[in-house]
Each structure stands twice: as structure tokens, then as C-alpha cells.
Amino acid sequence: MELLDTSIANVSLPHIAGGLGRSFDETTWVLTSYLVANAVVLPMSAWLSRVLGRKRYYMISVALFTATSFLCGIAPSLNFLVIFRVLQGIGGGGLAPVEQAILVDTFPANKRAAAFALYSVAIVTAPAIGPPLGGWITDSFSWRWVFFINVPIGLISLFLSSRLVSDPPAFKAEVAEAKRLGKLRVDYIGILLIALGFAFLEFVLDRGQIDDWFGSSLISTMFVAAIVCLVLAVWWELRAPDPVVELGLLRERNFAFANIFYFLFGFVLFGSTTMIPEILQSLYGYTATDAGLVLGPGAAVITVLAPLVAILTQKGKVSPRWLIAFSFFVVSLSMFYYSGFTLQTNYTHYALARALQGFGYAFLFVPVSVLAYSYLPPGKNNKGSSLTNLARNWGGSFGVAFITTVHERRTDLHTDRLAQSADLGSPLFHSRIDALTKTFEHLGYSHFDAAQHAQGLLYNQLNQQASLIGFMDCFRMMAIVALIGIPLALATKSFRPGGEASGGH
């Protein structure tokens, strides 16, 4: 539900703008405010778990997410909606890292792959079904139900968590010892630097293209402030006795590579998940629901293959490094497949490309999740999960910002190039205009109106082609990004299938 909320409100923005009497540009803050709050809380979730107790913090996060979802649904104005979205993002930011830490501590090393296989289905499916589900709910009911649907799920989650989830004895002992030694002091400077740095950076990524990036003094200022805060945060956290974010964990090679893999996973998954529905709706005339159905096969393939990948990983049939390398190769292949599509490409080809992408991801999440904790001591699982989820979240933010910017700029470039070949001196251009003019004359238009309609139709076709070629460029670039994961996968340290390292710590 938390991952769903990063994308479900996207298609509802025009309805929210109309319902609250504000412009579309103003309502984009409904998305930005949630992402900024989410980005601020994610790196601090491990520290908050230790201070409050993991189960207690998790239930507080679920309760806050649920309550603010209801408040978002009844918000009387945009200002109130943005405030409630900030609070919802704070609640949502604590969910994924704690869930992953719970999985790692609950299941023994030889069962983790199976647990992560099931978890990966939710991770990949939620962002994919967000836009079509949001479109269907908005069309069938009201945009307010986009938020209301979280409430019953949240209440069920609270009940089940209170009955079934508990903090492991080792975690309780660690927290008790830290409190006894006074190690859980509040790192006010670290919290402030991290919160400001990530808030500024998320603002830059989310609003950059809207506000013309560094052509805007606000974006430039925010970017400089983000860099300064994050550099200071890294310097401070590496020296703090009990840091909010334990960056020292990244010295372990497998864990550092796992974070890179999570970043690449988020970059390509969220980038393509944002791009595909936009292509289908803007160039092919699909509805939001129909566009969502194109994304379905990818999630279905992952659901079917997840148990197989868990078995391969758990029993050591195939080394995780080869599974990860294979995954990135297939994902890259799917991106290259997308990049050859035309305006005549039908649903089947898009669905097959998404299924191929899902086939690649099916072999990624479980091995990377097991790899991340292969050399980490059990006491560091909580801090490790906050960093891996932060990497995935930032991968998604960078991926969406990259796609948005590159597509717009490449489309402008291709529009200029196509326009040069459509000049008045081109015989091909003239013959096309004449043919279209005669077609409109046969439909009853006057010669003048027919000529105007012919030029307008050709201009629209030119823009569509330029936009499509821009999207295809984005797919090719994402294919190259995915290829980065292959040599890195082969550079990871080997470890035993049960989750233990093959060498000494």
C-alpha cells in the first residue's frame, strides 16, 4: 500500500485540481510533498526502530499512514491535503525498511530467499498497478477513494502486527545494552543534515523539469543546499559514536554492491513504469486502465518465477552473482526490445516486452536481498535494511527525473530534425500535403480548410513521431544503465547458500 501511494495519485491529479479549485501545477505538490517526507524518514528508520522498539515503531508508522490516508481523503483544501501527504510520507517511510529487517531476523538464513521471493512480488507489482488502479477508482468513484482504500488495509495490518510480530531477543538485548551505555543519544545534527539534504535533493529531482532545472534560481539554490548538507552529513555520520545512518556498513563489498543493484533496480523499474503508461496514453490513445493491463504480464511473470528463484538461491543451484548478472542482461535486452517499437506496435508486443522485463527482475530481487546480508552481522540488519531501501527509493526518484528530462529534450531535438525535412521545398512534403488535402476535400471541406487540416494533421504526426523517438532514446539509455550491473555482479564475493560467507569475517 505504501509503494502504491507513490504512484496511485498521479493519474488523479487533474481531478484533484478540479475538485479543489486549483491549477494542475499546484496539485503536483501532492506528489512532491509525499516523496520529500518519505526520503527524509527512510535513512532514519533504523535509528528510530532502536529508540522506540522495532515493533512499536512499525505499528506507529502503520497507524500514522492509515490515519493520514483518511485525512487526505477528507481534505477540504489543497493546503490541508499537502500537509496530510507530508504526514503520510513520514508514516510510509518507516514501513519498507522495518519490514525487510523483520524478514531477515524472523527467517533463518536458509529460508530468507523464500521470504524475499514473496516480498518481491509486492515490491514490483505495487508501482505497476498504481496508475491504472488510481485511474479506475477516480473514474468510477472519486479521487478521494484513492486515499480511503488504505484505511481498511491499514487497520487489518495493525491488528495482525499486534498479534503476530515481535522484536527478536537479540534485537531487544542490543537496544537494552545501548540504552544502558547511553549510546542512544539523539544525534540532532545528523538528523537535521540528513533531513534537509534529502528533502532539498528530492525537491530538485521532482520539480527540476517543471521549473527548467538550473534555469530556475530556486532549483539551483536547492541543489547547492542539498550537496552542502549531504557532504556535511557524510562527514558528521562517519565520526558520530552512534550515527543515525551507519555509512560504515558500505565498506563491506557485498553490501555496497547490493545497494548499487537496488539503485539500478529502482532506476529502471520506476523509470519504465512511469514511461510506458505515458507512451500508451499519449501516443496510442489507451485509457489508464488499458495502459495498466500492459504492465500486468511483468508482475505475473515475477509471481510465477519467484518460488523457482528462491529454490535456486536457497539450495545453491546457481551462484547469486550469476543470477544477478543474468537478470541485468535480460532487463537490458527488454529495454532494447522496447526501443525498436513504432506507432503501429500493438498491445501484444508491449505486453511481451514487459513480460521479458519481469522475467529479468524475477532473478534479481531475491539474490540481491540475500547478497546484501551475506556478510552483515545480525545486529546490523536493521541499519542495513534502511540503507538498501534508501538506495531503491533514490534509484526510483533519479529514474523518473531522468526519464522526464531526457524525453522532453530528445523530443525537442527530434522535432527540429523532422521539421527540417518537412520544409516547403521538399517534393515528398508537397505530395503528402496534396494527398491529404484531396482526402479532406472528398469529405466535404473547402480547398482552403482542407489544406489547413492537412497541414495540421501532418504537424500532429510529426510531433507524435518525435515524441516516440524520444521515448525510444530513453529505453536505449536505460538498457545501457542496466548493463552496468553485469560486471558489478561478477565482482561480488562468494558466500554459502545458507547465507553464511564462504570465508572468514
Protein backbone atom coordinates (compact mmCIF):
# COMPACT_ATOMS: atom_id res chain seq x y z
CA MET A 1 0.00 0.00 0.00
CA GLU A 2 2.88 2.35 0.74
CA LEU A 3 4.56 1.72 -2.61
CA LEU A 4 1.17 2.01 -4.30
CA ASP A 5 0.81 5.51 -2.87
CA THR A 6 3.97 6.71 -4.62
CA SER A 7 2.19 6.33 -7.97
CA ILE A 8 -1.56 5.85 -7.47
CA ALA A 9 -2.32 9.58 -7.17
CA ASN A 10 -0.52 10.51 -10.43
CA VAL A 11 -3.48 9.98 -12.75
CA SER A 12 -5.87 11.60 -10.25
CA LEU A 13 -4.12 14.99 -10.24
CA PRO A 14 -6.41 16.64 -12.84
CA HIS A 15 -9.45 15.53 -10.81
CA ILE A 16 -7.88 16.74 -7.57
CA ALA A 17 -7.13 20.11 -9.21
CA GLY A 18 -10.72 20.42 -10.43
CA GLY A 19 -12.23 19.24 -7.15
CA LEU A 20 -10.22 21.67 -5.02
CA GLY A 21 -10.29 24.56 -7.49
CA ARG A 22 -6.52 24.79 -8.03
CA SER A 23 -4.23 24.62 -11.09
CA PHE A 24 -2.64 21.34 -12.19
CA ASP A 25 0.86 22.69 -11.47
CA GLU A 26 -0.13 23.49 -7.88
CA THR A 27 -1.53 20.00 -7.33
CA THR A 28 1.80 18.36 -8.26
CA TRP A 29 2.77 19.24 -4.68
CA VAL A 30 0.50 16.34 -3.68
CA LEU A 31 3.18 14.04 -5.18
CA THR A 32 6.25 16.09 -4.23
CA SER A 33 5.31 16.50 -0.57
CA TYR A 34 4.87 12.73 -0.10
CA LEU A 35 8.18 11.87 -1.79
CA VAL A 36 10.13 14.50 0.16
CA ALA A 37 8.76 13.30 3.53
CA ASN A 38 9.42 9.69 2.51
CA ALA A 39 13.02 10.47 1.55
CA VAL A 40 13.66 12.22 4.87
CA VAL A 41 12.40 9.34 7.05
CA LEU A 42 13.89 6.38 5.13
CA PRO A 43 17.52 6.78 6.26
CA MET A 44 16.47 7.36 9.89
CA SER A 45 14.17 4.35 10.20
CA ALA A 46 16.83 2.06 11.69
CA TRP A 47 17.69 4.59 14.39
CA LEU A 48 14.01 5.20 15.17
CA SER A 49 13.47 1.43 15.44
CA ARG A 50 16.16 1.23 18.09
CA VAL A 51 14.88 4.24 20.03
CA LEU A 52 11.20 3.26 20.00
CA GLY A 53 11.47 -0.53 19.60
CA ARG A 54 11.03 -2.05 16.16
CA LYS A 55 7.50 -3.44 16.59
CA ARG A 56 6.30 -0.23 18.28
CA TYR A 57 7.85 1.97 15.57
CA TYR A 58 6.38 -0.21 12.82
CA MET A 59 2.89 -0.01 14.31
CA ILE A 60 3.23 3.77 14.82
CA SER A 61 4.18 4.08 11.14
CA VAL A 62 1.22 1.94 10.03
CA ALA A 63 -1.16 3.88 12.28
CA LEU A 64 0.14 7.25 11.03
CA PHE A 65 -0.03 6.11 7.39
CA THR A 66 -3.60 4.84 7.87
CA ALA A 67 -4.89 7.87 9.79
CA THR A 68 -3.37 10.38 7.36
CA SER A 69 -4.74 8.40 4.39
CA PHE A 70 -8.21 9.04 5.82
CA LEU A 71 -7.37 12.71 6.42
CA CYS A 72 -6.13 13.04 2.81
CA GLY A 73 -9.46 11.64 1.65
CA ILE A 74 -11.47 14.26 3.57
CA ALA A 75 -9.07 17.19 2.96
CA PRO A 76 -11.16 20.34 2.34
CA SER A 77 -8.40 22.24 0.51
CA LEU A 78 -5.08 21.71 -1.27
CA ASN A 79 -3.11 23.17 1.67
CA PHE A 80 -4.59 20.60 4.05
CA LEU A 81 -4.06 17.81 1.51
CA VAL A 82 -0.36 18.65 1.15
CA ILE A 83 0.10 18.76 4.95
CA PHE A 84 -1.60 15.37 5.32
CA ARG A 85 0.52 13.95 2.46
CA VAL A 86 3.68 15.04 4.31
CA LEU A 87 2.49 13.17 7.41
CA GLN A 88 1.52 10.19 5.25
CA GLY A 89 5.02 10.17 3.75
CA ILE A 90 6.55 10.22 7.25
CA GLY A 91 4.46 7.19 8.19
CA GLY A 92 5.13 5.40 4.91
CA GLY A 93 8.87 5.99 5.03
CA GLY A 94 9.25 3.75 8.07
CA LEU A 95 7.44 0.74 6.64
CA ALA A 96 9.65 -0.89 3.98
CA PRO A 97 12.99 -0.80 5.89
CA VAL A 98 11.42 -2.24 9.05
CA GLU A 99 9.56 -4.90 7.07
CA GLN A 100 12.78 -6.04 5.43
CA ALA A 101 14.60 -6.14 8.76
CA ILE A 102 11.72 -8.19 10.23
CA LEU A 103 12.03 -10.68 7.36
CA VAL A 104 15.78 -11.04 7.83
CA ASP A 105 15.53 -11.56 11.61
CA THR A 106 12.41 -13.76 11.53
CA PHE A 107 13.55 -16.29 8.93
CA PRO A 108 16.76 -18.33 9.28
CA ALA A 109 19.37 -17.87 6.57
CA ASN A 110 18.22 -20.95 4.64
CA LYS A 111 14.62 -19.63 4.46
CA ARG A 112 15.28 -15.98 3.63
CA ALA A 113 15.23 -16.48 -0.13
CA ALA A 114 11.66 -17.81 0.03
CA ALA A 115 10.56 -14.89 2.22
CA PHE A 116 12.14 -12.33 -0.09
CA ALA A 117 10.61 -14.06 -3.13
CA LEU A 118 7.11 -13.37 -1.81
CA TYR A 119 8.09 -9.86 -0.74
CA SER A 120 9.50 -9.11 -4.21
CA VAL A 121 6.08 -9.71 -5.79
CA ALA A 122 4.66 -6.79 -3.79
CA ILE A 123 7.69 -4.58 -4.48
CA VAL A 124 7.36 -4.93 -8.25
CA THR A 125 3.58 -5.17 -8.54
CA ALA A 126 2.59 -2.16 -6.44
CA PRO A 127 4.17 0.62 -8.59
CA ALA A 128 2.85 -1.08 -11.74
CA ILE A 129 -0.78 -1.27 -10.68
CA GLY A 130 -0.80 2.20 -9.08
CA PRO A 131 -1.67 4.31 -12.16
CA PRO A 132 -4.39 2.03 -13.63
CA LEU A 133 -5.92 1.41 -10.21
CA GLY A 134 -5.89 5.14 -9.49
CA GLY A 135 -7.49 5.85 -12.86
CA TRP A 136 -10.21 3.25 -12.37
CA ILE A 137 -11.03 4.44 -8.82
CA THR A 138 -11.13 8.08 -9.91
CA ASP A 139 -13.33 7.37 -12.95
CA SER A 140 -15.67 5.03 -11.08
CA PHE A 141 -15.93 6.80 -7.72
CA SER A 142 -13.91 9.89 -6.69
CA TRP A 143 -10.26 10.85 -6.29
CA ARG A 144 -10.80 10.75 -2.53
CA TRP A 145 -11.15 6.95 -2.66
CA VAL A 146 -7.55 6.76 -3.88
CA PHE A 147 -6.68 7.50 -0.23
CA PHE A 148 -9.62 5.85 1.51
CA ILE A 149 -8.67 2.37 0.20
CA ASN A 150 -5.62 2.42 2.51
CA VAL A 151 -7.76 2.62 5.66
CA PRO A 152 -9.19 -0.93 5.90
CA ILE A 153 -5.84 -2.47 4.85
CA GLY A 154 -4.06 -0.38 7.48
CA LEU A 155 -6.46 -1.44 10.23
CA ILE A 156 -6.05 -5.12 9.30
CA SER A 157 -2.26 -4.66 9.28
CA LEU A 158 -2.34 -3.07 12.74
CA PHE A 159 -4.38 -5.95 14.16
CA LEU A 160 -2.19 -8.66 12.61
CA SER A 161 1.07 -6.89 13.54
CA SER A 162 -0.02 -6.58 17.17
CA ARG A 163 -0.77 -10.31 17.29
CA LEU A 164 1.97 -11.84 15.16
CA VAL A 165 5.04 -9.56 15.05
CA SER A 166 7.57 -9.37 17.88
CA ASP A 167 11.06 -7.99 18.34
CA PRO A 168 13.68 -10.80 18.34
CA PRO A 169 15.54 -11.36 21.66
CA ALA A 170 18.87 -10.35 20.11
CA PHE A 171 17.41 -7.03 18.98
CA LYS A 172 15.89 -6.36 22.43
CA ALA A 173 19.21 -7.20 24.11
CA GLU A 174 21.10 -4.89 21.73
CA VAL A 175 18.73 -1.98 22.39
CA ALA A 176 18.78 -2.57 26.16
CA GLU A 177 22.59 -2.62 26.16
CA ALA A 178 22.75 0.55 24.04
CA LYS A 179 20.38 2.33 26.42
CA ARG A 180 22.37 1.15 29.45
CA LEU A 181 25.57 2.51 27.97
CA GLY A 182 23.88 5.73 26.88
CA LYS A 183 24.52 5.07 23.19
CA LEU A 184 21.04 6.04 22.03
CA ARG A 185 21.67 9.73 22.34
CA VAL A 186 19.73 11.85 19.88
CA ASP A 187 22.04 12.85 17.05
CA TYR A 188 20.36 16.20 16.41
CA ILE A 189 23.00 17.47 13.98
CA GLY A 190 22.96 14.24 11.93
CA ILE A 191 19.16 14.18 11.79
CA LEU A 192 18.99 17.83 10.73
CA LEU A 193 21.65 17.50 8.00
CA ILE A 194 20.15 14.29 6.58
CA ALA A 195 16.59 15.61 6.69
CA LEU A 196 17.49 18.87 4.95
CA GLY A 197 19.85 17.27 2.43
CA PHE A 198 17.39 14.61 1.26
CA ALA A 199 14.43 17.00 1.33
CA PHE A 200 16.28 19.51 -0.87
CA LEU A 201 17.52 16.79 -3.25
CA GLU A 202 14.07 15.20 -3.63
CA PHE A 203 12.64 18.66 -4.33
CA VAL A 204 15.26 19.20 -7.07
CA LEU A 205 14.55 15.83 -8.71
CA ASP A 206 10.78 16.14 -8.55
CA ARG A 207 10.44 19.79 -9.58
CA GLY A 208 13.54 20.19 -11.75
CA GLN A 209 11.99 19.61 -15.17
CA ILE A 210 8.82 21.56 -14.26
CA ASP A 211 10.90 24.60 -13.24
CA ASP A 212 13.56 24.32 -16.03
CA TRP A 213 16.28 22.84 -13.81
CA PHE A 214 19.20 25.22 -13.32
CA GLY A 215 17.44 27.92 -15.29
CA SER A 216 15.49 28.40 -12.06
CA SER A 217 17.22 30.18 -9.20
CA LEU A 218 15.11 28.16 -6.71
CA ILE A 219 16.23 24.80 -8.16
CA SER A 220 19.87 25.96 -8.27
CA THR A 221 19.72 27.12 -4.65
CA MET A 222 18.07 23.89 -3.53
CA PHE A 223 20.69 21.80 -5.37
CA VAL A 224 23.61 23.64 -3.76
CA ALA A 225 21.94 23.38 -0.35
CA ALA A 226 21.36 19.63 -0.86
CA ILE A 227 25.02 18.99 -1.80
CA VAL A 228 26.33 21.03 1.15
CA CYS A 229 24.00 19.32 3.64
CA LEU A 230 24.73 15.81 2.35
CA VAL A 231 28.51 16.30 2.28
CA LEU A 232 28.38 17.61 5.85
CA ALA A 233 26.07 14.72 6.82
CA VAL A 234 28.53 12.13 5.48
CA TRP A 235 31.43 13.83 7.31
CA TRP A 236 29.43 14.01 10.55
CA GLU A 237 27.94 10.48 10.42
CA LEU A 238 31.34 8.85 9.84
CA ARG A 239 32.57 10.45 13.07
CA ALA A 240 29.47 10.20 15.28
CA PRO A 241 29.62 7.48 18.01
CA ASP A 242 26.02 6.36 17.32
CA PRO A 243 25.15 7.68 13.85
CA VAL A 244 21.61 7.94 12.56
CA VAL A 245 22.81 6.34 9.30
CA GLU A 246 25.70 3.87 9.63
CA LEU A 247 27.61 4.60 6.43
CA GLY A 248 30.46 2.40 7.61
CA LEU A 249 28.42 -0.63 6.51
CA LEU A 250 29.19 0.33 2.91
CA ARG A 251 32.81 -0.70 3.48
CA GLU A 252 31.63 -4.31 3.12
CA ARG A 253 31.84 -5.08 -0.60
CA ASN A 254 28.74 -7.27 -0.99
CA PHE A 255 26.56 -4.83 0.93
CA ALA A 256 27.87 -1.86 -1.08
CA PHE A 257 27.24 -3.68 -4.37
CA ALA A 258 23.77 -4.71 -3.19
CA ASN A 259 22.93 -1.03 -2.67
CA ILE A 260 24.10 -0.25 -6.21
CA PHE A 261 21.93 -3.09 -7.53
CA TYR A 262 18.93 -1.75 -5.63
CA PHE A 263 19.58 1.71 -7.10
CA LEU A 264 19.76 0.31 -10.64
CA PHE A 265 16.64 -1.78 -9.97
CA GLY A 266 14.69 1.31 -8.83
CA PHE A 267 16.07 3.45 -11.65
CA VAL A 268 14.96 1.16 -14.49
CA LEU A 269 11.78 -0.19 -12.86
CA PHE A 270 10.28 3.14 -11.80
CA GLY A 271 11.57 4.92 -14.90
CA SER A 272 9.97 2.39 -17.26
CA THR A 273 6.81 2.09 -15.14
CA THR A 274 6.35 5.86 -15.42
CA MET A 275 7.16 5.93 -19.13
CA ILE A 276 5.12 3.03 -20.54
CA PRO A 277 1.63 4.23 -19.46
CA GLU A 278 2.53 7.74 -20.67
CA ILE A 279 3.51 6.38 -24.12
CA LEU A 280 0.36 4.30 -24.42
CA GLN A 281 -2.00 7.07 -23.30
CA SER A 282 -0.41 9.99 -25.16
CA LEU A 283 0.52 8.26 -28.46
CA TYR A 284 -1.76 5.25 -28.76
CA GLY A 285 -4.94 6.54 -27.11
CA TYR A 286 -5.08 3.90 -24.37
CA THR A 287 -7.13 4.56 -21.24
CA ALA A 288 -5.35 4.46 -17.86
CA THR A 289 -6.89 1.06 -17.17
CA ASP A 290 -5.83 -0.38 -20.55
CA ALA A 291 -2.31 1.00 -20.12
CA GLY A 292 -2.16 -0.69 -16.73
CA LEU A 293 -3.05 -4.03 -18.31
CA VAL A 294 0.15 -3.78 -20.37
CA LEU A 295 2.13 -3.72 -17.12
CA GLY A 296 0.32 -6.76 -15.72
CA PRO A 297 2.29 -9.54 -17.51
CA GLY A 298 5.54 -8.36 -15.92
CA ALA A 299 4.16 -8.76 -12.41
CA ALA A 300 2.57 -12.10 -13.35
CA VAL A 301 5.91 -13.49 -14.58
CA ILE A 302 7.61 -12.47 -11.33
CA THR A 303 4.85 -14.08 -9.26
CA VAL A 304 5.23 -17.37 -11.15
CA LEU A 305 9.04 -17.43 -11.12
CA ALA A 306 9.65 -16.16 -7.57
CA PRO A 307 9.43 -19.65 -5.96
CA LEU A 308 11.83 -21.09 -8.57
CA VAL A 309 14.38 -18.32 -7.94
CA ALA A 310 14.05 -18.87 -4.18
CA ILE A 311 14.84 -22.58 -4.64
CA LEU A 312 17.82 -21.82 -6.92
CA THR A 313 19.18 -19.33 -4.38
CA GLN A 314 18.48 -21.33 -1.20
CA LYS A 315 19.87 -24.64 -2.43
CA GLY A 316 22.88 -23.06 -4.11
CA LYS A 317 21.98 -24.50 -7.51
CA VAL A 318 23.23 -21.29 -9.16
CA SER A 319 25.54 -18.69 -7.65
CA PRO A 320 23.68 -15.45 -6.77
CA ARG A 321 26.26 -13.46 -8.76
CA TRP A 322 25.29 -15.31 -11.96
CA LEU A 323 21.57 -14.86 -11.25
CA ILE A 324 22.08 -11.10 -10.76
CA ALA A 325 24.22 -10.81 -13.91
CA PHE A 326 21.64 -12.77 -15.91
CA SER A 327 18.88 -10.55 -14.53
CA PHE A 328 20.51 -7.31 -15.62
CA PHE A 329 21.27 -8.81 -19.05
CA VAL A 330 17.60 -9.74 -19.60
CA VAL A 331 16.34 -6.38 -18.30
CA SER A 332 18.74 -4.61 -20.68
CA LEU A 333 17.55 -6.85 -23.52
CA SER A 334 13.93 -5.91 -22.76
CA MET A 335 14.81 -2.20 -22.88
CA PHE A 336 16.47 -2.66 -26.29
CA TYR A 337 13.36 -4.55 -27.43
CA TYR A 338 11.17 -1.61 -26.39
CA SER A 339 13.44 0.81 -28.26
CA GLY A 340 12.51 -0.69 -31.64
CA PHE A 341 8.75 -0.05 -31.35
CA THR A 342 6.78 2.16 -33.74
CA LEU A 343 3.37 3.85 -33.68
CA GLN A 344 1.96 0.69 -35.29
CA THR A 345 3.15 -1.58 -32.44
CA ASN A 346 0.20 -3.34 -30.82
CA TYR A 347 -0.67 -4.39 -27.26
CA THR A 348 0.87 -7.86 -27.66
CA HIS A 349 4.38 -6.53 -28.29
CA TYR A 350 4.24 -4.10 -25.36
CA ALA A 351 2.91 -6.86 -23.07
CA LEU A 352 5.65 -9.26 -24.26
CA ALA A 353 8.34 -6.63 -23.65
CA ARG A 354 7.01 -6.05 -20.14
CA ALA A 355 6.87 -9.81 -19.53
CA LEU A 356 10.53 -10.05 -20.64
CA GLN A 357 11.41 -7.23 -18.25
CA GLY A 358 9.55 -9.06 -15.46
CA PHE A 359 11.42 -12.26 -16.35
CA GLY A 360 14.67 -10.39 -15.77
CA TYR A 361 13.57 -8.87 -12.47
CA ALA A 362 12.36 -12.25 -11.22
CA PHE A 363 16.03 -13.28 -10.98
CA LEU A 364 17.20 -10.07 -9.29
CA PHE A 365 15.40 -9.18 -6.09
CA VAL A 366 15.85 -12.44 -4.15
CA PRO A 367 19.60 -12.92 -4.88
CA VAL A 368 20.33 -9.23 -4.17
CA SER A 369 18.37 -9.36 -0.89
CA VAL A 370 20.32 -12.44 0.23
CA LEU A 371 23.60 -10.92 -1.01
CA ALA A 372 23.03 -7.72 0.99
CA TYR A 373 23.05 -9.58 4.33
CA SER A 374 25.65 -12.23 3.42
CA TYR A 375 28.45 -10.60 5.42
CA LEU A 376 26.50 -8.28 7.75
CA PRO A 377 26.40 -9.24 11.45
CA PRO A 378 22.82 -9.94 12.68
CA GLY A 379 22.92 -6.82 14.86
CA LYS A 380 23.31 -4.65 11.77
CA ASN A 381 20.30 -5.98 9.83
CA ASN A 382 18.08 -3.08 10.85
CA LYS A 383 20.59 -0.42 9.81
CA GLY A 384 21.36 -2.34 6.63
CA SER A 385 17.71 -2.50 5.56
CA SER A 386 17.28 1.26 5.91
CA LEU A 387 20.23 1.84 3.55
CA THR A 388 19.09 -0.70 0.93
CA ASN A 389 15.58 0.75 0.87
CA LEU A 390 17.05 4.23 0.65
CA ALA A 391 19.07 3.12 -2.40
CA ARG A 392 15.98 1.66 -4.08
CA ASN A 393 13.93 4.77 -3.31
CA TRP A 394 16.58 7.11 -4.69
CA GLY A 395 17.02 4.91 -7.74
CA GLY A 396 13.33 5.38 -8.46
CA SER A 397 13.48 9.16 -7.92
CA PHE A 398 16.53 9.54 -10.19
CA GLY A 399 14.96 7.22 -12.79
CA VAL A 400 11.73 9.22 -13.01
CA ALA A 401 13.60 12.55 -13.11
CA PHE A 402 15.95 11.17 -15.79
CA ILE A 403 13.10 9.91 -17.99
CA THR A 404 11.10 13.12 -17.66
CA THR A 405 14.04 15.32 -18.58
CA VAL A 406 15.66 13.21 -21.30
CA HIS A 407 12.36 12.56 -23.06
CA GLU A 408 11.46 16.23 -23.25
CA ARG A 409 14.89 17.26 -24.51
CA ARG A 410 15.23 14.44 -27.02
CA THR A 411 11.72 15.13 -28.30
CA ASP A 412 12.65 18.78 -28.92
CA LEU A 413 15.79 17.64 -30.77
CA HIS A 414 13.87 15.17 -32.96
CA THR A 415 11.12 17.72 -33.63
CA ASP A 416 13.71 20.13 -35.03
CA ARG A 417 15.28 17.41 -37.18
CA LEU A 418 11.96 16.20 -38.57
CA ALA A 419 10.79 19.77 -39.19
CA GLN A 420 13.88 20.39 -41.35
CA SER A 421 12.80 17.60 -43.71
CA ALA A 422 9.23 18.93 -43.81
CA ASP A 423 10.04 22.25 -45.45
CA LEU A 424 8.12 23.78 -48.32
CA GLY A 425 10.86 22.89 -50.80
CA SER A 426 10.56 19.13 -50.19
CA PRO A 427 8.75 17.28 -53.02
CA LEU A 428 7.78 14.48 -50.59
CA PHE A 429 6.27 17.00 -48.18
CA HIS A 430 4.29 18.64 -51.00
CA SER A 431 2.98 15.32 -52.33
CA ARG A 432 1.88 14.32 -48.81
CA ILE A 433 0.10 17.65 -48.27
CA ASP A 434 -1.63 17.37 -51.66
CA ALA A 435 -2.82 13.81 -50.93
CA LEU A 436 -4.20 14.78 -47.53
CA THR A 437 -5.83 17.92 -48.94
CA LYS A 438 -7.69 15.86 -51.57
CA THR A 439 -8.80 13.43 -48.87
CA PHE A 440 -10.34 16.24 -46.82
CA GLU A 441 -11.94 17.76 -49.96
CA HIS A 442 -13.66 14.42 -50.60
CA LEU A 443 -15.04 14.67 -47.06
CA GLY A 444 -16.72 17.98 -47.93
CA TYR A 445 -14.17 20.58 -46.81
CA SER A 446 -13.40 23.63 -48.93
CA HIS A 447 -9.98 23.69 -50.59
CA PHE A 448 -8.65 26.22 -48.05
CA ASP A 449 -9.98 24.32 -45.00
CA ALA A 450 -8.79 21.01 -46.46
CA ALA A 451 -5.26 22.42 -46.87
CA GLN A 452 -5.31 23.74 -43.28
CA HIS A 453 -6.47 20.38 -41.91
CA ALA A 454 -3.84 18.56 -43.98
CA GLN A 455 -1.04 20.71 -42.54
CA GLY A 456 -2.44 20.30 -39.03
CA LEU A 457 -2.63 16.53 -39.36
CA LEU A 458 0.91 16.33 -40.70
CA TYR A 459 2.14 18.57 -37.87
CA ASN A 460 0.49 16.28 -35.30
CA GLN A 461 2.06 13.23 -36.93
CA LEU A 462 5.46 14.93 -36.82
CA ASN A 463 5.05 15.65 -33.08
CA GLN A 464 3.93 12.08 -32.39
CA GLN A 465 6.92 10.65 -34.24
CA ALA A 466 9.32 12.99 -32.44
CA SER A 467 7.82 12.06 -29.07
CA LEU A 468 8.02 8.33 -29.82
CA ILE A 469 11.65 8.57 -30.97
CA GLY A 470 12.39 10.49 -27.73
CA PHE A 471 10.86 7.66 -25.71
CA MET A 472 12.86 5.09 -27.68
CA ASP A 473 16.05 7.02 -26.86
CA CYS A 474 15.12 6.76 -23.17
CA PHE A 475 14.71 2.99 -23.46
CA ARG A 476 18.14 2.67 -25.09
CA MET A 477 19.73 4.73 -22.32
CA MET A 478 18.05 2.60 -19.64
CA ALA A 479 19.33 -0.51 -21.41
CA ILE A 480 22.87 0.83 -21.02
CA VAL A 481 22.22 1.66 -17.34
CA ALA A 482 21.05 -1.93 -16.73
CA LEU A 483 24.24 -3.30 -18.31
CA ILE A 484 26.27 -1.61 -15.55
CA GLY A 485 25.01 -4.26 -13.14
CA ILE A 486 26.61 -7.19 -15.01
CA PRO A 487 30.32 -6.59 -14.26
CA LEU A 488 29.46 -5.47 -10.71
CA ALA A 489 27.55 -8.72 -10.11
CA LEU A 490 30.57 -10.75 -11.17
CA ALA A 491 32.76 -8.74 -8.77
CA THR A 492 30.80 -9.72 -5.62
CA LYS A 493 32.31 -12.02 -3.01
CA SER A 494 31.00 -15.58 -2.94
CA PHE A 495 29.07 -16.91 0.06
CA ARG A 496 27.35 -20.13 1.01
CA PRO A 497 23.71 -20.65 0.01
CA GLY A 498 22.60 -20.68 3.64
CA GLY A 499 23.54 -17.05 3.88
CA GLU A 500 26.94 -17.51 5.52
CA ALA A 501 30.07 -16.14 3.93
CA SER A 502 32.38 -18.68 2.36
CA GLY A 503 35.39 -17.14 4.02
CA GLY A 504 36.04 -15.69 7.48
CA HIS A 505 34.60 -12.36 8.51
